[in-house]
Amino acid sequence: MLGKAILMVAGTALVVTGCSTPPPPPPRPIPTIHTPEPGTVEPAGCLGTGVTVKSGPVEVALGHRAVVLTLTNCGTAPRTLTGYPEVRLLDKEKRPMTVEVEHGSSYMAIDPGVSPQTVQPGGTLLSVISWSNTVTAGSPEAGAYVTVSAAKGDPEQRIAVDTDLGTTGKLTLTAWNAALKH
């Protein structure tokens, strides 16, 4: 009888303990937001800088997404770029969204790092924009367009790209390079 009473008290303690509210999650750190200055959005085609940028299809893998940007030298002279394209994410009304843009490798692409890349007329350079569509707390966000500048100060080109960011609020970007590593 004493054993049953102990089990009953222990069982009641487990039930009471199991009903307690877990502590709230720690607040998310405020991300460093990379927000390029808006430039002039140019129509598709060869820009005065001698380049044009297009995107491929959105690739998907295990909750991760990526799109390859292809810069083509459509001018008559070589162009050297060092570093990362400037990108901004826009919603379906073409309004800028607040997202963190991180430079580096992601699940979808290895960042080759910054080095001077000379692209000859007719040649191409590549960069990858990637994101996760993880949903934790809050409302999922989605972008509809990306503006891309080959380099800081260059005109932007607007490209239609569906970006289902979930609640991550973050894009990862690789540097311009002639080849991509996966």
C-alpha atoms as a PDB file:
ATOM      1  CA  MET A   1       0.000   0.000   0.000  1.00  0.00           C
ATOM      2  CA  LEU A   2       2.852   2.377   0.833  1.00  0.00           C
ATOM      3  CA  GLY A   3       4.438   1.532  -2.555  1.00  0.00           C
ATOM      4  CA  LYS A   4       1.194   2.483  -4.346  1.00  0.00           C
ATOM      5  CA  ALA A   5       1.048   5.773  -2.432  1.00  0.00           C
ATOM      6  CA  ILE A   6       4.647   6.606  -3.400  1.00  0.00           C
ATOM      7  CA  LEU A   7       3.910   5.783  -7.049  1.00  0.00           C
ATOM      8  CA  MET A   8       0.787   7.919  -6.913  1.00  0.00           C
ATOM      9  CA  VAL A   9       2.691  10.901  -5.445  1.00  0.00           C
ATOM     10  CA  ALA A  10       5.534  10.438  -7.970  1.00  0.00           C
ATOM     11  CA  GLY A  11       3.034  10.174 -10.832  1.00  0.00           C
ATOM     12  CA  THR A  12       1.267  13.341  -9.679  1.00  0.00           C
ATOM     13  CA  ALA A  13       4.613  15.150  -9.519  1.00  0.00           C
ATOM     14  CA  LEU A  14       5.409  14.045 -13.092  1.00  0.00           C
ATOM     15  CA  VAL A  15       2.020  15.198 -14.337  1.00  0.00           C
ATOM     16  CA  VAL A  16       2.380  18.592 -12.615  1.00  0.00           C
ATOM     17  CA  THR A  17       5.943  18.992 -13.873  1.00  0.00           C
ATOM     18  CA  GLY A  18       4.939  18.009 -17.419  1.00  0.00           C
ATOM     19  CA  CYS A  19       2.269  20.741 -17.501  1.00  0.00           C
ATOM     20  CA  SER A  20       4.566  23.629 -16.719  1.00  0.00           C
ATOM     21  CA  THR A  21       5.112  26.226 -19.423  1.00  0.00           C
ATOM     22  CA  PRO A  22       8.599  26.082 -20.941  1.00  0.00           C
ATOM     23  CA  PRO A  23      10.646  29.265 -20.694  1.00  0.00           C
ATOM     24  CA  PRO A  24      10.376  31.550 -23.728  1.00  0.00           C
ATOM     25  CA  PRO A  25      13.179  31.229 -26.277  1.00  0.00           C
ATOM     26  CA  PRO A  26      15.978  33.766 -25.976  1.00  0.00           C
ATOM     27  CA  PRO A  27      15.502  36.832 -28.173  1.00  0.00           C
ATOM     28  CA  ARG A  28      17.043  36.561 -31.641  1.00  0.00           C
ATOM     29  CA  PRO A  29      20.144  38.689 -32.028  1.00  0.00           C
ATOM     30  CA  ILE A  30      19.621  41.678 -34.270  1.00  0.00           C
ATOM     31  CA  PRO A  31      21.313  40.785 -37.573  1.00  0.00           C
ATOM     32  CA  THR A  32      23.743  43.049 -39.319  1.00  0.00           C
ATOM     33  CA  ILE A  33      21.796  44.264 -42.314  1.00  0.00           C
ATOM     34  CA  HIS A  34      23.706  44.905 -45.531  1.00  0.00           C
ATOM     35  CA  THR A  35      21.585  47.385 -47.422  1.00  0.00           C
ATOM     36  CA  PRO A  36      23.083  48.594 -50.674  1.00  0.00           C
ATOM     37  CA  GLU A  37      22.116  52.093 -51.660  1.00  0.00           C
ATOM     38  CA  PRO A  38      19.360  51.997 -54.270  1.00  0.00           C
ATOM     39  CA  GLY A  39      20.606  52.827 -57.711  1.00  0.00           C
ATOM     40  CA  THR A  40      18.956  53.387 -61.025  1.00  0.00           C
ATOM     41  CA  VAL A  41      17.146  50.247 -62.168  1.00  0.00           C
ATOM     42  CA  GLU A  42      17.992  49.687 -65.805  1.00  0.00           C
ATOM     43  CA  PRO A  43      15.969  47.583 -68.235  1.00  0.00           C
ATOM     44  CA  ALA A  44      17.333  44.211 -69.289  1.00  0.00           C
ATOM     45  CA  GLY A  45      20.000  44.384 -71.933  1.00  0.00           C
ATOM     46  CA  CYS A  46      23.569  45.557 -72.147  1.00  0.00           C
ATOM     47  CA  LEU A  47      24.168  48.358 -69.652  1.00  0.00           C
ATOM     48  CA  GLY A  48      26.463  51.314 -70.248  1.00  0.00           C
ATOM     49  CA  THR A  49      28.991  49.520 -68.020  1.00  0.00           C
ATOM     50  CA  GLY A  50      29.246  46.764 -70.648  1.00  0.00           C
ATOM     51  CA  VAL A  51      27.601  44.006 -68.617  1.00  0.00           C
ATOM     52  CA  THR A  52      24.230  42.388 -68.150  1.00  0.00           C
ATOM     53  CA  VAL A  53      23.064  40.016 -65.392  1.00  0.00           C
ATOM     54  CA  LYS A  54      20.519  37.207 -65.677  1.00  0.00           C
ATOM     55  CA  SER A  55      19.407  34.474 -63.289  1.00  0.00           C
ATOM     56  CA  GLY A  56      18.861  30.775 -63.705  1.00  0.00           C
ATOM     57  CA  PRO A  57      16.011  28.797 -62.157  1.00  0.00           C
ATOM     58  CA  VAL A  58      15.661  28.457 -58.389  1.00  0.00           C
ATOM     59  CA  GLU A  59      17.332  25.205 -57.307  1.00  0.00           C
ATOM     60  CA  VAL A  60      15.981  23.417 -54.203  1.00  0.00           C
ATOM     61  CA  ALA A  61      17.512  20.969 -51.711  1.00  0.00           C
ATOM     62  CA  LEU A  62      16.321  19.972 -48.233  1.00  0.00           C
ATOM     63  CA  GLY A  63      14.724  23.304 -47.357  1.00  0.00           C
ATOM     64  CA  HIS A  64      17.493  25.328 -48.972  1.00  0.00           C
ATOM     65  CA  ARG A  65      17.202  27.390 -52.137  1.00  0.00           C
ATOM     66  CA  ALA A  66      19.654  28.985 -54.561  1.00  0.00           C
ATOM     67  CA  VAL A  67      19.731  30.860 -57.817  1.00  0.00           C
ATOM     68  CA  VAL A  68      22.789  31.355 -60.014  1.00  0.00           C
ATOM     69  CA  LEU A  69      23.445  34.857 -61.312  1.00  0.00           C
ATOM     70  CA  THR A  70      25.283  35.016 -64.629  1.00  0.00           C
ATOM     71  CA  LEU A  71      27.055  38.237 -65.511  1.00  0.00           C
ATOM     72  CA  THR A  72      27.900  38.517 -69.210  1.00  0.00           C
ATOM     73  CA  ASN A  73      30.347  41.035 -70.632  1.00  0.00           C
ATOM     74  CA  CYS A  74      28.260  42.368 -73.516  1.00  0.00           C
ATOM     75  CA  GLY A  75      30.649  45.255 -74.116  1.00  0.00           C
ATOM     76  CA  THR A  76      33.738  45.571 -76.276  1.00  0.00           C
ATOM     77  CA  ALA A  77      36.396  45.796 -73.560  1.00  0.00           C
ATOM     78  CA  PRO A  78      37.460  43.456 -70.741  1.00  0.00           C
ATOM     79  CA  ARG A  79      35.916  44.231 -67.341  1.00  0.00           C
ATOM     80  CA  THR A  80      37.545  43.361 -64.029  1.00  0.00           C
ATOM     81  CA  LEU A  81      35.382  42.829 -60.953  1.00  0.00           C
ATOM     82  CA  THR A  82      36.594  42.101 -57.456  1.00  0.00           C
ATOM     83  CA  GLY A  83      34.197  40.930 -54.802  1.00  0.00           C
ATOM     84  CA  TYR A  84      30.493  40.457 -54.541  1.00  0.00           C
ATOM     85  CA  PRO A  85      27.558  41.756 -56.531  1.00  0.00           C
ATOM     86  CA  GLU A  86      25.287  44.211 -54.770  1.00  0.00           C
ATOM     87  CA  VAL A  87      21.835  42.661 -54.310  1.00  0.00           C
ATOM     88  CA  ARG A  88      18.540  43.839 -52.841  1.00  0.00           C
ATOM     89  CA  LEU A  89      15.416  41.753 -52.362  1.00  0.00           C
ATOM     90  CA  LEU A  90      12.077  43.275 -53.393  1.00  0.00           C
ATOM     91  CA  ASP A  91       8.537  42.158 -52.606  1.00  0.00           C
ATOM     92  CA  LYS A  92       5.830  41.637 -55.235  1.00  0.00           C
ATOM     93  CA  GLU A  93       5.076  45.393 -55.219  1.00  0.00           C
ATOM     94  CA  LYS A  94       8.778  46.016 -55.949  1.00  0.00           C
ATOM     95  CA  ARG A  95       9.395  47.499 -52.503  1.00  0.00           C
ATOM     96  CA  PRO A  96      12.749  46.757 -50.788  1.00  0.00           C
ATOM     97  CA  MET A  97      12.603  44.098 -48.070  1.00  0.00           C
ATOM     98  CA  THR A  98      14.721  44.158 -44.942  1.00  0.00           C
ATOM     99  CA  VAL A  99      16.976  41.127 -45.149  1.00  0.00           C
ATOM    100  CA  GLU A 100      20.481  40.346 -44.007  1.00  0.00           C
ATOM    101  CA  VAL A 101      22.874  39.720 -46.901  1.00  0.00           C
ATOM    102  CA  GLU A 102      25.794  37.600 -45.788  1.00  0.00           C
ATOM    103  CA  HIS A 103      28.873  37.068 -47.947  1.00  0.00           C
ATOM    104  CA  GLY A 104      30.233  33.524 -47.898  1.00  0.00           C
ATOM    105  CA  SER A 105      29.482  29.847 -48.410  1.00  0.00           C
ATOM    106  CA  SER A 106      26.114  28.237 -47.832  1.00  0.00           C
ATOM    107  CA  TYR A 107      24.534  24.799 -47.996  1.00  0.00           C
ATOM    108  CA  MET A 108      24.057  25.355 -51.735  1.00  0.00           C
ATOM    109  CA  ALA A 109      27.361  26.933 -52.843  1.00  0.00           C
ATOM    110  CA  ILE A 110      30.979  27.339 -51.815  1.00  0.00           C
ATOM    111  CA  ASP A 111      32.209  30.916 -51.861  1.00  0.00           C
ATOM    112  CA  PRO A 112      35.460  31.140 -53.858  1.00  0.00           C
ATOM    113  CA  GLY A 113      36.402  34.295 -51.958  1.00  0.00           C
ATOM    114  CA  VAL A 114      37.365  37.696 -53.254  1.00  0.00           C
ATOM    115  CA  SER A 115      39.877  37.893 -56.071  1.00  0.00           C
ATOM    116  CA  PRO A 116      40.107  40.025 -59.206  1.00  0.00           C
ATOM    117  CA  GLN A 117      38.059  38.436 -62.013  1.00  0.00           C
ATOM    118  CA  THR A 118      38.566  39.741 -65.539  1.00  0.00           C
ATOM    119  CA  VAL A 119      35.767  38.901 -67.916  1.00  0.00           C
ATOM    120  CA  GLN A 120      36.491  39.283 -71.623  1.00  0.00           C
ATOM    121  CA  PRO A 121      33.809  40.417 -74.123  1.00  0.00           C
ATOM    122  CA  GLY A 122      31.322  37.561 -74.446  1.00  0.00           C
ATOM    123  CA  GLY A 123      32.653  35.932 -71.248  1.00  0.00           C
ATOM    124  CA  THR A 124      30.743  35.278 -68.034  1.00  0.00           C
ATOM    125  CA  LEU A 125      31.137  35.370 -64.267  1.00  0.00           C
ATOM    126  CA  LEU A 126      28.883  33.604 -61.780  1.00  0.00           C
ATOM    127  CA  SER A 127      27.577  34.295 -58.277  1.00  0.00           C
ATOM    128  CA  VAL A 128      25.047  32.371 -56.181  1.00  0.00           C
ATOM    129  CA  ILE A 129      22.292  33.811 -53.994  1.00  0.00           C
ATOM    130  CA  SER A 130      21.062  31.221 -51.508  1.00  0.00           C
ATOM    131  CA  TRP A 131      18.594  31.094 -48.624  1.00  0.00           C
ATOM    132  CA  SER A 132      16.750  28.729 -46.326  1.00  0.00           C
ATOM    133  CA  ASN A 133      12.971  28.604 -46.232  1.00  0.00           C
ATOM    134  CA  THR A 134      12.889  27.627 -42.555  1.00  0.00           C
ATOM    135  CA  VAL A 135       9.827  28.771 -40.621  1.00  0.00           C
ATOM    136  CA  THR A 136      10.214  29.111 -36.863  1.00  0.00           C
ATOM    137  CA  ALA A 137       8.235  31.905 -35.233  1.00  0.00           C
ATOM    138  CA  GLY A 138       6.398  34.641 -37.069  1.00  0.00           C
ATOM    139  CA  SER A 139       5.021  34.970 -40.573  1.00  0.00           C
ATOM    140  CA  PRO A 140       6.938  33.619 -43.554  1.00  0.00           C
ATOM    141  CA  GLU A 141       8.226  36.200 -46.021  1.00  0.00           C
ATOM    142  CA  ALA A 142       8.687  35.928 -49.751  1.00  0.00           C
ATOM    143  CA  GLY A 143      10.432  38.145 -52.250  1.00  0.00           C
ATOM    144  CA  ALA A 144       9.503  38.411 -55.904  1.00  0.00           C
ATOM    145  CA  TYR A 145      12.447  40.311 -57.388  1.00  0.00           C
ATOM    146  CA  VAL A 146      16.168  40.776 -56.865  1.00  0.00           C
ATOM    147  CA  THR A 147      18.033  43.849 -58.012  1.00  0.00           C
ATOM    148  CA  VAL A 148      21.640  43.177 -58.948  1.00  0.00           C
ATOM    149  CA  SER A 149      24.555  45.553 -59.494  1.00  0.00           C
ATOM    150  CA  ALA A 150      27.764  44.030 -60.838  1.00  0.00           C
ATOM    151  CA  ALA A 151      29.720  46.234 -58.407  1.00  0.00           C
ATOM    152  CA  LYS A 152      29.040  49.036 -55.975  1.00  0.00           C
ATOM    153  CA  GLY A 153      27.949  52.135 -57.866  1.00  0.00           C
ATOM    154  CA  ASP A 154      26.911  50.257 -61.029  1.00  0.00           C
ATOM    155  CA  PRO A 155      23.293  50.476 -62.206  1.00  0.00           C
ATOM    156  CA  GLU A 156      20.931  47.798 -60.937  1.00  0.00           C
ATOM    157  CA  GLN A 157      19.047  45.306 -63.044  1.00  0.00           C
ATOM    158  CA  ARG A 158      15.792  43.902 -61.656  1.00  0.00           C
ATOM    159  CA  ILE A 159      15.310  40.154 -62.062  1.00  0.00           C
ATOM    160  CA  ALA A 160      12.163  38.188 -61.194  1.00  0.00           C
ATOM    161  CA  VAL A 161      13.155  35.563 -58.585  1.00  0.00           C
ATOM    162  CA  ASP A 162      10.691  33.938 -56.167  1.00  0.00           C
ATOM    163  CA  THR A 163      12.392  33.772 -52.789  1.00  0.00           C
ATOM    164  CA  ASP A 164      10.492  31.914 -50.088  1.00  0.00           C
ATOM    165  CA  LEU A 165      12.573  33.084 -47.129  1.00  0.00           C
ATOM    166  CA  GLY A 166      10.438  31.508 -44.430  1.00  0.00           C
ATOM    167  CA  THR A 167      11.246  33.484 -41.291  1.00  0.00           C
ATOM    168  CA  THR A 168      15.032  33.529 -41.755  1.00  0.00           C
ATOM    169  CA  GLY A 169      15.313  37.037 -43.219  1.00  0.00           C
ATOM    170  CA  LYS A 170      18.715  36.175 -44.675  1.00  0.00           C
ATOM    171  CA  LEU A 171      20.377  35.709 -48.060  1.00  0.00           C
ATOM    172  CA  THR A 172      23.892  34.343 -48.590  1.00  0.00           C
ATOM    173  CA  LEU A 173      25.905  35.532 -51.559  1.00  0.00           C
ATOM    174  CA  THR A 174      29.096  34.222 -53.173  1.00  0.00           C
ATOM    175  CA  ALA A 175      31.721  36.394 -54.859  1.00  0.00           C
ATOM    176  CA  TRP A 176      31.882  36.708 -58.631  1.00  0.00           C
ATOM    177  CA  ASN A 177      33.912  33.899 -60.162  1.00  0.00           C
ATOM    178  CA  ALA A 178      34.254  32.174 -63.521  1.00  0.00           C
ATOM    179  CA  ALA A 179      33.356  28.755 -62.030  1.00  0.00           C
ATOM    180  CA  LEU A 180      31.155  27.520 -59.202  1.00  0.00           C
ATOM    181  CA  LYS A 181      31.978  24.797 -56.708  1.00  0.00           C
ATOM    182  CA  HIS A 182      29.233  22.738 -55.117  1.00  0.00           C
END
